[in-house]
Amino acid sequence: MTVFINGKPKLVPRPQQIDGMDVDEFIRRNADPIWSHQNGMWEYIMFDDEDDRNLLNR
């Protein structure tokens, strides 16, 4: 993105977005549990019940 400062054009990096969302928010909404596990994003994996959560604590 170009902005003008003192009459001179300057390039300003824009934050990366996918479909108008931040990249991290897009990943949180659209990643499946297998992809999240493979990429080390365990905190974003949603569990259905307490039994599934206990499997990680072994």
N, C-alpha and C. Protein backbone atom coordinates (compact mmCIF):
# COMPACT_ATOMS: atom_id res chain seq x y z
N MET A 1 0.86 -1.15 0.00
CA MET A 1 0.00 0.00 0.00
C MET A 1 0.91 1.22 0.00
N THR A 2 0.55 2.22 -0.75
CA THR A 2 1.33 3.44 -0.86
C THR A 2 0.63 4.58 -0.13
N VAL A 3 1.39 5.27 0.71
CA VAL A 3 0.90 6.48 1.36
C VAL A 3 1.87 7.60 1.04
N PHE A 4 1.39 8.82 1.13
CA PHE A 4 2.23 9.97 0.86
C PHE A 4 2.60 10.66 2.16
N ILE A 5 3.92 10.81 2.39
CA ILE A 5 4.43 11.51 3.55
C ILE A 5 5.33 12.64 3.04
N ASN A 6 4.98 13.88 3.40
CA ASN A 6 5.70 15.06 2.93
C ASN A 6 5.73 15.11 1.40
N GLY A 7 4.68 14.66 0.77
CA GLY A 7 4.58 14.71 -0.69
C GLY A 7 5.33 13.60 -1.41
N LYS A 8 5.92 12.67 -0.67
CA LYS A 8 6.68 11.58 -1.29
C LYS A 8 5.96 10.26 -1.01
N PRO A 9 5.88 9.39 -2.04
CA PRO A 9 5.21 8.10 -1.82
C PRO A 9 6.09 7.15 -0.98
N LYS A 10 5.49 6.51 -0.02
CA LYS A 10 6.17 5.53 0.82
C LYS A 10 5.36 4.24 0.79
N LEU A 11 6.05 3.10 0.72
CA LEU A 11 5.38 1.81 0.75
C LEU A 11 5.21 1.37 2.20
N VAL A 12 3.99 1.01 2.56
CA VAL A 12 3.67 0.54 3.90
C VAL A 12 3.12 -0.86 3.76
N PRO A 13 3.74 -1.83 4.45
CA PRO A 13 3.22 -3.20 4.33
C PRO A 13 1.86 -3.33 5.00
N ARG A 14 0.95 -3.98 4.31
CA ARG A 14 -0.38 -4.27 4.86
C ARG A 14 -0.35 -5.62 5.54
N PRO A 15 -1.15 -5.80 6.58
CA PRO A 15 -1.22 -7.14 7.18
C PRO A 15 -1.85 -8.11 6.20
N GLN A 16 -1.33 -9.33 6.19
CA GLN A 16 -1.86 -10.34 5.28
C GLN A 16 -3.26 -10.74 5.72
N GLN A 17 -4.15 -10.87 4.74
CA GLN A 17 -5.53 -11.26 5.01
C GLN A 17 -6.00 -12.26 3.98
N ILE A 18 -6.89 -13.13 4.42
CA ILE A 18 -7.55 -14.09 3.54
C ILE A 18 -9.04 -13.87 3.72
N ASP A 19 -9.73 -13.56 2.66
CA ASP A 19 -11.18 -13.29 2.70
C ASP A 19 -11.54 -12.23 3.74
N GLY A 20 -10.67 -11.24 3.90
CA GLY A 20 -10.94 -10.16 4.84
C GLY A 20 -10.65 -10.49 6.29
N MET A 21 -10.10 -11.67 6.57
CA MET A 21 -9.76 -12.09 7.94
C MET A 21 -8.25 -12.15 8.09
N ASP A 22 -7.81 -11.98 9.31
CA ASP A 22 -6.41 -12.19 9.63
C ASP A 22 -6.06 -13.65 9.33
N VAL A 23 -4.81 -13.92 8.97
CA VAL A 23 -4.41 -15.28 8.59
C VAL A 23 -4.62 -16.25 9.75
N ASP A 24 -4.27 -15.85 10.97
CA ASP A 24 -4.43 -16.74 12.12
C ASP A 24 -5.90 -17.05 12.39
N GLU A 25 -6.76 -16.05 12.27
CA GLU A 25 -8.19 -16.27 12.48
C GLU A 25 -8.75 -17.21 11.41
N PHE A 26 -8.31 -17.07 10.16
CA PHE A 26 -8.74 -17.94 9.07
C PHE A 26 -8.35 -19.39 9.36
N ILE A 27 -7.13 -19.60 9.84
CA ILE A 27 -6.68 -20.95 10.16
C ILE A 27 -7.50 -21.53 11.30
N ARG A 28 -7.75 -20.74 12.35
CA ARG A 28 -8.54 -21.23 13.48
C ARG A 28 -9.93 -21.67 13.05
N ARG A 29 -10.54 -20.94 12.15
CA ARG A 29 -11.90 -21.26 11.73
C ARG A 29 -11.98 -22.42 10.76
N ASN A 30 -10.96 -22.62 9.92
CA ASN A 30 -11.07 -23.57 8.81
C ASN A 30 -10.20 -24.81 8.92
N ALA A 31 -9.25 -24.85 9.85
CA ALA A 31 -8.36 -26.02 9.92
C ALA A 31 -9.08 -27.18 10.60
N ASP A 32 -8.84 -28.37 10.07
CA ASP A 32 -9.40 -29.56 10.72
C ASP A 32 -8.41 -30.04 11.78
N PRO A 33 -8.85 -30.92 12.70
CA PRO A 33 -7.98 -31.35 13.79
C PRO A 33 -6.70 -32.03 13.32
N ILE A 34 -6.74 -32.76 12.24
CA ILE A 34 -5.52 -33.43 11.75
C ILE A 34 -4.49 -32.40 11.30
N TRP A 35 -4.91 -31.40 10.55
CA TRP A 35 -3.98 -30.36 10.10
C TRP A 35 -3.41 -29.61 11.29
N SER A 36 -4.27 -29.28 12.27
CA SER A 36 -3.81 -28.57 13.46
C SER A 36 -2.78 -29.39 14.22
N HIS A 37 -3.00 -30.68 14.34
CA HIS A 37 -2.06 -31.54 15.04
C HIS A 37 -0.73 -31.63 14.29
N GLN A 38 -0.78 -31.79 12.98
CA GLN A 38 0.44 -31.90 12.18
C GLN A 38 1.28 -30.63 12.23
N ASN A 39 0.65 -29.49 12.44
CA ASN A 39 1.36 -28.23 12.46
C ASN A 39 1.58 -27.68 13.87
N GLY A 40 1.36 -28.52 14.88
CA GLY A 40 1.66 -28.15 16.25
C GLY A 40 0.74 -27.12 16.85
N MET A 41 -0.49 -27.05 16.39
CA MET A 41 -1.45 -26.06 16.90
C MET A 41 -2.48 -26.77 17.77
N TRP A 42 -2.00 -27.47 18.80
CA TRP A 42 -2.87 -28.30 19.63
C TRP A 42 -3.88 -27.48 20.42
N GLU A 43 -3.54 -26.24 20.75
CA GLU A 43 -4.46 -25.42 21.55
C GLU A 43 -5.73 -25.05 20.79
N TYR A 44 -5.74 -25.22 19.47
CA TYR A 44 -6.92 -24.88 18.67
C TYR A 44 -7.80 -26.08 18.36
N ILE A 45 -7.40 -27.27 18.79
CA ILE A 45 -8.18 -28.47 18.52
C ILE A 45 -9.35 -28.51 19.50
N MET A 46 -10.56 -28.62 18.97
CA MET A 46 -11.76 -28.71 19.80
C MET A 46 -12.07 -30.17 20.08
N PHE A 47 -12.43 -30.47 21.33
CA PHE A 47 -12.77 -31.82 21.73
C PHE A 47 -14.27 -31.95 21.90
N ASP A 48 -14.77 -33.14 21.60
CA ASP A 48 -16.21 -33.39 21.73
C ASP A 48 -16.62 -33.67 23.18
N ASP A 49 -15.78 -34.40 23.90
CA ASP A 49 -16.13 -34.72 25.28
C ASP A 49 -14.86 -34.86 26.12
N GLU A 50 -15.05 -35.12 27.40
CA GLU A 50 -13.93 -35.18 28.34
C GLU A 50 -13.03 -36.40 28.08
N ASP A 51 -13.59 -37.49 27.54
CA ASP A 51 -12.78 -38.69 27.27
C ASP A 51 -11.70 -38.40 26.24
N ASP A 52 -12.02 -37.64 25.21
CA ASP A 52 -11.02 -37.30 24.20
C ASP A 52 -9.93 -36.43 24.79
N ARG A 53 -10.28 -35.54 25.67
CA ARG A 53 -9.31 -34.64 26.28
C ARG A 53 -8.33 -35.43 27.17
N ASN A 54 -8.83 -36.48 27.83
CA ASN A 54 -7.97 -37.28 28.71
C ASN A 54 -6.94 -38.08 27.93
N LEU A 55 -7.16 -38.34 26.66
CA LEU A 55 -6.19 -39.09 25.85
C LEU A 55 -4.88 -38.32 25.73
N LEU A 56 -4.93 -37.01 25.72
CA LEU A 56 -3.71 -36.21 25.60
C LEU A 56 -2.91 -36.17 26.89
N ASN A 57 -3.53 -36.40 28.01
CA ASN A 57 -2.86 -36.29 29.30
C ASN A 57 -2.15 -37.56 29.72
N ARG A 58 -2.16 -38.58 28.89
CA ARG A 58 -1.49 -39.84 29.25
C ARG A 58 -0.01 -39.76 29.01
